Amino acid sequence: MTKYFVFIGIIIVAFLGTAWFLYQKGQEKPVIYESVAPETLNIVKKTVATGSILPVKEVALKSQVPGVIKEIYVEAGEQVQTGQKIAKIQLIPSPANINNAQSSIEQLQIRVKEAEQELKRQRSLNSSGNDVRDAQAAYDQAIRERDQQKPLFEEGIISKQEYDRLETAVEQARGALEQAKVGASRNVNSYQTDLEVRKAELQAARNNLQILREGAASRSKEVSNVITSTMTGMVLDIPLEEGSFVIEANSFNEGSTIASIANMNDLEFEGQVAESEVGKLKEGIPLEITIGAIEGKKFDAVLNYISPKGIEIDGSIQFEIKATVKTPKDDFIRAGYSANADIILDKRDSVLAINERDLLFSNDSTFVEKEVGEQEFKKIHIETGLSDGINIEVKSGLSKGDKIKKQEQGG
């Protein structure tokens, strides 16, 4: 009998619980939709280029001679001036190169002696003046003949044509005399110049031999085994250490880099943009540079280069761009910092705008649900304009005082 009453009690409790649940469900509050009003905003459409900050001018200092780095005078991060010593190379001369240099000196010494003998011969010829003397005699003879015939011409015994021929002969003889004088002097000057050239070649060969042996030319202010800075700037890197072997820079080898120097006051952003955006860019437009290592700051820049040729990166075509960065004096930007550039493609100032999530789309048309009463909304068509990815311009269909339904995410 007891089990019977327990069973009946369980049925009654279950019935009452179900009834209470159904009652509570029937008492749920109706859904309240939130409405928002359009705002007056500035809409800016941007694209982002990823890249890095690099100096506009960077030079790599090379060695003119092979050898071993004996001393390094500076460290990375130091400011250096043009002509300042960077490092010194201890030479390891090649016996073959020294033999070739000595042979070259011997040959040039012979050529200098030949030039000196030829110059001496030309000076002797010039001092004898045979060419000039003959030309002078011809000129004097022409004048005598003309002067002898002049009275006959004045008396009408000879024709004007005959007398003009004599005058022409005088002028020709005068020209020949001047040419002989100039020619004699020119020959001497020419051989004098040839001698000076050969002496210079001999001195250069001697300097070359001395450089091979000692690293310095006695008659030169330049020391070829001492590396000096070719610009004023900051030492960015010294890739080699004292005791490292270096290769000379020549036509067949770029040589070992002793140091890299750059002007850190003249920087540029180098990055890539997608082919879908590059057509919207033009030189001279402003950029905002954000550097990951410098939080909370943006740097202004101006686009100055757009590559005419794209390259494939990770399966997409990218175009290189460069922009001059305006660096504030109180900020030090290191070469190689990774950076992003916000590029302004289009902009609308003070336009009516709404959040893009509140849009509805149907048959290539754009709609919103406009509030027409308390929790009453009407679907209306609107015309939209520029979007920044969050907010979108409303060209027509809404006024500033209107309100629209705030669409739930995914609604």
Protein backbone atom coordinates (compact mmCIF):
# COMPACT_ATOMS: atom_id res chain seq x y z
CA MET A 1 0.00 0.00 0.00
CA THR A 2 2.92 2.32 0.82
CA LYS A 3 4.51 1.79 -2.60
CA TYR A 4 1.23 2.77 -4.24
CA PHE A 5 1.09 6.14 -2.48
CA VAL A 6 4.76 6.86 -3.36
CA PHE A 7 4.09 6.23 -7.03
CA ILE A 8 1.02 8.48 -7.00
CA GLY A 9 3.14 11.22 -5.31
CA ILE A 10 5.82 11.07 -7.97
CA ILE A 11 3.22 11.47 -10.73
CA ILE A 12 1.69 14.49 -8.99
CA VAL A 13 5.11 16.20 -8.52
CA ALA A 14 6.03 15.65 -12.18
CA PHE A 15 2.71 17.07 -13.31
CA LEU A 16 3.11 20.16 -11.17
CA GLY A 17 6.72 20.72 -12.40
CA THR A 18 5.67 20.54 -16.03
CA ALA A 19 2.81 22.92 -15.44
CA TRP A 20 5.14 25.39 -13.73
CA PHE A 21 7.65 25.24 -16.61
CA LEU A 22 4.92 25.88 -19.18
CA TYR A 23 3.66 28.76 -17.13
CA GLN A 24 7.10 30.37 -16.87
CA LYS A 25 7.71 29.99 -20.59
CA GLY A 26 4.50 31.74 -21.35
CA GLN A 27 5.62 34.65 -19.19
CA GLU A 28 8.94 35.33 -21.19
CA LYS A 29 9.45 39.01 -22.06
CA PRO A 30 9.21 40.05 -25.73
CA VAL A 31 12.48 40.80 -27.64
CA ILE A 32 13.51 44.47 -27.46
CA TYR A 33 15.48 45.70 -30.52
CA GLU A 34 18.10 48.37 -30.10
CA SER A 35 18.14 51.27 -32.52
CA VAL A 36 21.02 53.57 -33.48
CA ALA A 37 21.23 56.91 -35.29
CA PRO A 38 23.57 57.71 -38.22
CA GLU A 39 26.65 59.76 -37.28
CA THR A 40 28.69 62.45 -39.02
CA LEU A 41 32.14 60.94 -39.51
CA ASN A 42 35.30 61.16 -41.57
CA ILE A 43 35.58 58.02 -43.69
CA VAL A 44 39.12 57.08 -44.69
CA LYS A 45 39.86 54.09 -46.90
CA LYS A 46 43.36 52.72 -46.35
CA THR A 47 45.55 49.91 -47.47
CA VAL A 48 48.47 48.59 -45.47
CA ALA A 49 51.94 47.89 -46.85
CA THR A 50 54.37 45.80 -44.82
CA GLY A 51 58.09 46.42 -45.01
CA SER A 52 61.03 47.89 -43.11
CA ILE A 53 62.89 51.12 -42.43
CA LEU A 54 66.21 51.48 -44.23
CA PRO A 55 68.68 54.32 -44.82
CA VAL A 56 68.45 56.01 -48.21
CA LYS A 57 72.23 56.00 -48.61
CA GLU A 58 74.36 53.17 -47.27
CA VAL A 59 77.91 52.39 -48.37
CA ALA A 60 80.01 49.28 -47.89
CA LEU A 61 83.70 50.02 -47.38
CA LYS A 62 86.02 47.61 -49.22
CA SER A 63 89.75 46.96 -49.12
CA GLN A 64 91.98 47.94 -52.04
CA VAL A 65 94.54 45.31 -51.10
CA PRO A 66 94.40 41.70 -49.89
CA GLY A 67 95.60 40.84 -46.41
CA VAL A 68 94.58 40.48 -42.79
CA ILE A 69 92.74 43.04 -40.64
CA LYS A 70 95.38 44.33 -38.25
CA GLU A 71 93.40 47.02 -36.42
CA ILE A 72 89.80 48.24 -36.27
CA TYR A 73 89.45 51.83 -35.03
CA VAL A 74 85.65 52.17 -34.65
CA GLU A 75 82.63 50.26 -33.36
CA ALA A 76 79.12 49.80 -34.71
CA GLY A 77 76.93 52.72 -33.65
CA GLU A 78 79.68 55.34 -33.80
CA GLN A 79 79.35 58.51 -35.84
CA VAL A 80 82.23 58.97 -38.31
CA GLN A 81 83.31 61.72 -40.67
CA THR A 82 84.46 61.53 -44.27
CA GLY A 83 88.12 60.47 -44.36
CA GLN A 84 88.13 59.07 -40.81
CA LYS A 85 90.17 55.88 -40.34
CA ILE A 86 88.08 52.73 -39.99
CA ALA A 87 90.57 49.85 -40.13
CA LYS A 88 94.12 48.92 -41.15
CA ILE A 89 95.07 45.98 -43.34
CA GLN A 90 98.30 44.01 -42.86
CA LEU A 91 99.50 43.13 -46.36
CA ILE A 92 100.45 39.67 -47.50
CA PRO A 93 102.17 40.46 -50.80
CA SER A 94 102.30 37.89 -53.58
CA PRO A 95 105.84 37.16 -54.93
CA ALA A 96 104.41 36.99 -58.46
CA ASN A 97 102.84 40.46 -58.11
CA ILE A 98 106.11 41.91 -56.80
CA ASN A 99 108.09 40.41 -59.70
CA ASN A 100 105.58 41.81 -62.20
CA ALA A 101 105.80 45.25 -60.59
CA GLN A 102 109.61 45.21 -60.72
CA SER A 103 109.58 44.18 -64.40
CA SER A 104 107.14 46.99 -65.15
CA ILE A 105 109.49 49.51 -63.51
CA GLU A 106 112.45 48.32 -65.57
CA GLN A 107 110.49 48.62 -68.82
CA LEU A 108 109.24 52.09 -67.94
CA GLN A 109 112.76 53.23 -67.05
CA ILE A 110 113.86 52.31 -70.59
CA ARG A 111 110.91 54.22 -72.07
CA VAL A 112 111.78 57.31 -70.00
CA LYS A 113 115.37 57.26 -71.30
CA GLU A 114 114.12 56.97 -74.89
CA ALA A 115 111.77 59.93 -74.37
CA GLU A 116 114.58 62.03 -72.90
CA GLN A 117 116.82 61.29 -75.90
CA GLU A 118 114.08 62.15 -78.39
CA LEU A 119 113.29 65.41 -76.60
CA LYS A 120 116.98 66.33 -76.67
CA ARG A 121 117.09 65.66 -80.43
CA GLN A 122 114.01 67.80 -81.08
CA ARG A 123 115.42 70.67 -79.06
CA SER A 124 118.63 70.49 -81.12
CA LEU A 125 116.64 70.63 -84.34
CA ASN A 126 114.64 73.55 -83.05
CA SER A 127 117.73 75.46 -82.00
CA SER A 128 119.29 75.01 -85.46
CA GLY A 129 116.14 76.53 -86.93
CA ASN A 130 116.58 75.12 -90.45
CA ASP A 131 112.84 75.08 -91.21
CA VAL A 132 112.29 78.53 -89.82
CA ARG A 133 115.40 79.91 -91.60
CA ASP A 134 114.25 78.56 -94.97
CA ALA A 135 110.75 79.97 -94.45
CA GLN A 136 112.20 83.34 -93.49
CA ALA A 137 114.36 83.41 -96.61
CA ALA A 138 111.35 82.61 -98.84
CA TYR A 139 109.34 85.36 -97.19
CA ASP A 140 112.12 87.92 -97.66
CA GLN A 141 112.50 86.93 -101.35
CA ALA A 142 108.76 87.35 -101.94
CA ILE A 143 108.84 90.85 -100.45
CA ARG A 144 111.83 91.87 -102.62
CA GLU A 145 110.14 90.67 -105.81
CA ARG A 146 106.96 92.53 -104.95
CA ASP A 147 108.81 95.75 -104.11
CA GLN A 148 110.84 95.55 -107.37
CA GLN A 149 107.67 95.20 -109.46
CA LYS A 150 105.67 97.88 -107.67
CA PRO A 151 107.12 100.88 -109.64
CA LEU A 152 106.47 99.02 -112.89
CA PHE A 153 102.85 98.45 -111.84
CA GLU A 154 102.44 102.13 -110.93
CA GLU A 155 103.76 103.12 -114.37
CA GLY A 156 101.39 100.65 -116.06
CA ILE A 157 104.13 98.45 -117.44
CA ILE A 158 102.81 95.31 -115.74
CA SER A 159 99.16 94.44 -115.22
CA LYS A 160 97.25 94.53 -111.97
CA GLN A 161 96.76 90.79 -112.22
CA GLU A 162 100.52 90.22 -112.26
CA TYR A 163 101.05 92.56 -109.31
CA ASP A 164 98.23 90.83 -107.31
CA ARG A 165 100.01 87.53 -107.88
CA LEU A 166 103.11 88.98 -106.20
CA GLU A 167 101.05 90.20 -103.21
CA THR A 168 99.54 86.72 -102.85
CA ALA A 169 103.00 85.17 -102.89
CA VAL A 170 104.03 87.47 -100.02
CA GLU A 171 101.02 86.43 -97.90
CA GLN A 172 101.64 82.76 -98.57
CA ALA A 173 105.30 83.11 -97.57
CA ARG A 174 104.31 84.94 -94.39
CA GLY A 175 101.89 82.09 -93.48
CA ALA A 176 104.55 79.48 -94.15
CA LEU A 177 106.98 81.34 -91.86
CA GLU A 178 104.46 81.51 -88.99
CA GLN A 179 103.62 77.83 -89.42
CA ALA A 180 107.29 76.88 -89.29
CA LYS A 181 107.77 78.84 -86.05
CA VAL A 182 104.68 77.26 -84.42
CA GLY A 183 105.56 73.78 -85.70
CA ALA A 184 109.04 73.86 -84.24
CA SER A 185 107.74 74.92 -80.83
CA ARG A 186 104.89 72.39 -80.98
CA ASN A 187 107.23 69.49 -81.68
CA VAL A 188 109.32 70.32 -78.65
CA ASN A 189 106.22 70.68 -76.44
CA SER A 190 104.82 67.39 -77.70
CA TYR A 191 107.97 65.46 -76.84
CA GLN A 192 108.19 67.26 -73.51
CA THR A 193 104.63 66.10 -72.70
CA ASP A 194 105.46 62.55 -73.75
CA LEU A 195 108.43 62.54 -71.38
CA GLU A 196 106.27 63.80 -68.47
CA VAL A 197 103.69 61.06 -69.14
CA ARG A 198 106.35 58.35 -69.08
CA LYS A 199 107.83 59.73 -65.88
CA ALA A 200 104.35 59.68 -64.30
CA GLU A 201 103.87 56.06 -65.39
CA LEU A 202 107.24 55.16 -63.87
CA GLN A 203 106.35 56.86 -60.58
CA ALA A 204 102.97 55.06 -60.51
CA ALA A 205 104.76 51.74 -61.01
CA ARG A 206 107.16 52.55 -58.17
CA ASN A 207 104.21 53.49 -55.94
CA ASN A 208 102.50 50.24 -56.82
CA LEU A 209 105.58 48.25 -55.85
CA GLN A 210 105.85 50.16 -52.57
CA ILE A 211 102.16 49.55 -51.86
CA LEU A 212 102.63 45.82 -52.47
CA ARG A 213 105.57 45.75 -50.07
CA GLU A 214 104.53 48.25 -47.40
CA GLY A 215 100.93 49.26 -48.06
CA ALA A 216 101.81 52.93 -48.57
CA ALA A 217 103.06 55.11 -51.40
CA SER A 218 105.74 57.57 -50.27
CA ARG A 219 104.59 60.37 -52.57
CA SER A 220 100.89 59.92 -51.96
CA LYS A 221 98.74 61.22 -49.11
CA GLU A 222 96.50 58.18 -49.44
CA VAL A 223 97.40 55.00 -47.57
CA SER A 224 95.83 52.11 -49.45
CA ASN A 225 96.05 49.61 -46.62
CA VAL A 226 94.16 51.97 -44.28
CA ILE A 227 90.39 51.90 -44.85
CA THR A 228 88.78 55.34 -44.47
CA SER A 229 85.16 56.41 -44.48
CA THR A 230 83.83 57.77 -47.77
CA MET A 231 80.89 59.56 -46.13
CA THR A 232 79.72 61.13 -42.89
CA GLY A 233 77.31 58.90 -41.02
CA MET A 234 76.88 56.08 -38.53
CA VAL A 235 78.74 52.77 -38.57
CA LEU A 236 75.96 50.19 -38.94
CA ASP A 237 78.00 47.02 -39.02
CA ILE A 238 81.55 45.71 -38.93
CA PRO A 239 81.13 42.14 -40.18
CA LEU A 240 84.79 41.11 -39.75
CA GLU A 241 87.07 40.98 -36.74
CA GLU A 242 90.75 41.72 -36.28
CA GLY A 243 92.74 38.82 -37.72
CA SER A 244 90.19 38.09 -40.47
CA PHE A 245 91.41 37.67 -44.04
CA VAL A 246 90.10 40.18 -46.59
CA ILE A 247 89.88 40.05 -50.38
CA GLU A 248 90.62 43.15 -52.43
CA ALA A 249 87.89 44.73 -54.54
CA ASN A 250 88.56 44.45 -58.28
CA SER A 251 86.86 43.84 -61.61
CA PHE A 252 86.33 40.17 -60.82
CA ASN A 253 85.48 40.28 -57.13
CA GLU A 254 83.44 42.74 -55.05
CA GLY A 255 85.88 42.29 -52.18
CA SER A 256 85.39 41.88 -48.45
CA THR A 257 83.21 44.44 -46.66
CA ILE A 258 85.12 46.05 -43.81
CA ALA A 259 82.25 48.24 -42.55
CA SER A 260 78.80 49.53 -43.54
CA ILE A 261 78.08 53.24 -43.03
CA ALA A 262 74.82 55.13 -43.53
CA ASN A 263 73.24 58.52 -42.93
CA MET A 264 70.63 57.71 -40.27
CA ASN A 265 68.99 61.12 -40.64
CA ASP A 266 67.80 60.21 -44.12
CA LEU A 267 65.54 57.15 -43.93
CA GLU A 268 62.92 55.56 -46.12
CA PHE A 269 60.22 52.91 -45.84
CA GLU A 270 60.55 50.01 -48.26
CA GLY A 271 57.59 47.64 -48.56
CA GLN A 272 55.16 45.84 -50.84
CA VAL A 273 51.54 46.36 -51.83
CA ALA A 274 49.21 43.94 -53.58
CA GLU A 275 48.48 44.31 -57.29
CA SER A 276 44.80 44.99 -56.48
CA GLU A 277 45.84 48.20 -54.69
CA VAL A 278 48.88 49.43 -56.62
CA GLY A 279 46.75 51.00 -59.37
CA LYS A 280 45.24 53.36 -56.78
CA LEU A 281 48.62 54.72 -55.69
CA LYS A 282 50.55 57.67 -57.04
CA GLU A 283 53.80 59.31 -56.06
CA GLY A 284 53.50 62.15 -53.57
CA ILE A 285 50.60 60.78 -51.50
CA PRO A 286 51.01 60.77 -47.69
CA LEU A 287 51.65 57.65 -45.60
CA GLU A 288 51.57 56.95 -41.88
CA ILE A 289 54.35 54.66 -40.70
CA THR A 290 53.90 52.46 -37.65
CA ILE A 291 57.03 50.80 -36.26
CA GLY A 292 56.55 47.72 -34.12
CA ALA A 293 59.52 48.52 -31.89
CA ILE A 294 58.30 52.05 -31.15
CA GLU A 295 54.89 51.87 -29.51
CA GLY A 296 52.35 54.66 -29.55
CA LYS A 297 53.95 56.70 -32.32
CA LYS A 298 53.29 57.22 -35.98
CA PHE A 299 55.71 58.79 -38.45
CA ASP A 300 54.72 60.78 -41.52
CA ALA A 301 56.11 59.76 -44.89
CA VAL A 302 55.66 60.61 -48.56
CA LEU A 303 55.48 57.99 -51.31
CA ASN A 304 58.29 58.58 -53.80
CA TYR A 305 58.62 55.30 -55.74
CA ILE A 306 56.33 52.61 -57.13
CA SER A 307 57.97 49.68 -58.88
CA PRO A 308 56.90 49.22 -62.52
CA LYS A 309 57.31 45.45 -62.15
CA GLY A 310 55.67 43.10 -59.69
CA ILE A 311 57.21 40.05 -58.05
CA GLU A 312 55.51 36.90 -56.79
CA ILE A 313 55.52 36.52 -53.00
CA ASP A 314 53.68 33.61 -51.38
CA GLY A 315 51.59 33.06 -54.49
CA SER A 316 50.47 36.68 -55.00
CA ILE A 317 51.92 39.52 -57.05
CA GLN A 318 53.38 42.33 -54.98
CA PHE A 319 54.83 45.69 -56.04
CA GLU A 320 57.68 47.39 -54.21
CA ILE A 321 57.14 50.92 -52.93
CA LYS A 322 59.44 53.42 -51.21
CA ALA A 323 58.55 56.43 -49.08
CA THR A 324 60.69 59.15 -47.50
CA VAL A 325 60.23 59.11 -43.72
CA LYS A 326 60.09 62.40 -41.82
CA THR A 327 62.09 61.57 -38.71
CA PRO A 328 61.66 63.73 -35.58
CA LYS A 329 64.94 64.77 -33.97
CA ASP A 330 64.05 63.21 -30.61
CA ASP A 331 63.41 59.73 -32.06
CA PHE A 332 66.17 57.37 -33.11
CA ILE A 333 65.01 54.83 -35.69
CA ARG A 334 67.31 51.88 -36.24
CA ALA A 335 67.97 50.50 -39.70
CA GLY A 336 66.02 47.34 -40.40
CA TYR A 337 63.04 48.00 -38.10
CA SER A 338 59.95 46.22 -39.39
CA ALA A 339 57.12 48.64 -40.12
CA ASN A 340 53.66 49.01 -41.61
CA ALA A 341 52.55 51.89 -43.80
CA ASP A 342 48.93 53.06 -43.84
CA ILE A 343 48.31 54.41 -47.33
CA ILE A 344 45.27 56.67 -47.73
CA LEU A 345 43.48 55.61 -50.92
CA ASP A 346 40.32 57.74 -50.54
CA LYS A 347 38.73 60.02 -47.97
CA ARG A 348 35.35 61.65 -47.19
CA ASP A 349 35.13 64.39 -44.57
CA SER A 350 32.05 64.99 -42.40
CA VAL A 351 29.63 62.63 -44.10
CA LEU A 352 26.60 60.75 -42.75
CA ALA A 353 27.67 57.22 -41.89
CA ILE A 354 26.45 54.03 -40.22
CA ASN A 355 28.06 50.80 -39.09
CA GLU A 356 28.36 48.28 -41.92
CA ARG A 357 26.95 45.51 -39.74
CA ASP A 358 23.53 47.23 -39.80
CA LEU A 359 23.20 46.79 -43.58
CA LEU A 360 20.94 44.26 -45.28
CA PHE A 361 21.51 43.08 -48.85
CA SER A 362 19.09 41.77 -51.44
CA ASN A 363 19.42 41.52 -55.24
CA ASP A 364 22.52 43.74 -55.39
CA SER A 365 20.70 46.44 -53.42
CA THR A 366 21.42 47.77 -49.95
CA PHE A 367 18.77 48.19 -47.23
CA VAL A 368 18.39 49.11 -43.57
CA GLU A 369 15.50 48.70 -41.16
CA LYS A 370 14.33 52.21 -40.31
CA GLU A 371 12.50 52.84 -37.06
CA VAL A 372 8.99 54.13 -37.81
CA GLY A 373 7.46 53.67 -34.32
CA GLU A 374 8.00 52.12 -30.93
CA GLN A 375 9.72 48.82 -31.78
CA GLU A 376 8.39 49.15 -35.33
CA PHE A 377 10.84 48.99 -38.25
CA LYS A 378 10.46 49.33 -42.01
CA LYS A 379 12.94 47.97 -44.53
CA ILE A 380 14.09 50.82 -46.83
CA HIS A 381 16.60 51.13 -49.66
CA ILE A 382 19.65 53.37 -49.19
CA GLU A 383 22.58 54.43 -51.40
CA THR A 384 26.03 53.93 -49.87
CA GLY A 385 29.48 55.33 -50.66
CA LEU A 386 32.97 54.97 -49.26
CA SER A 387 33.67 52.39 -46.56
CA ASP A 388 36.63 52.06 -44.19
CA GLY A 389 35.74 48.47 -43.34
CA ILE A 390 33.72 49.40 -40.23
CA ASN A 391 31.69 52.47 -41.09
CA ILE A 392 30.17 53.28 -44.47
CA GLU A 393 29.01 56.54 -46.03
CA VAL A 394 25.26 56.99 -46.60
CA LYS A 395 24.61 59.06 -49.71
CA SER A 396 20.81 58.94 -49.68
CA GLY A 397 17.85 57.27 -47.96
CA LEU A 398 18.59 58.41 -44.40
CA SER A 399 18.74 61.70 -42.53
CA LYS A 400 20.73 62.62 -39.45
CA GLY A 401 17.68 62.41 -37.16
CA ASP A 402 16.61 58.92 -38.33
CA LYS A 403 17.19 55.72 -36.39
CA ILE A 404 17.76 52.23 -37.69
CA LYS A 405 17.65 48.79 -36.15
CA LYS A 406 20.95 47.59 -34.80
CA GLN A 407 21.48 44.22 -36.40
CA GLU A 408 22.77 41.41 -34.28
CA GLN A 409 26.05 39.91 -35.44
CA GLY A 410 25.23 37.49 -38.20
CA GLY A 411 21.75 39.06 -38.60
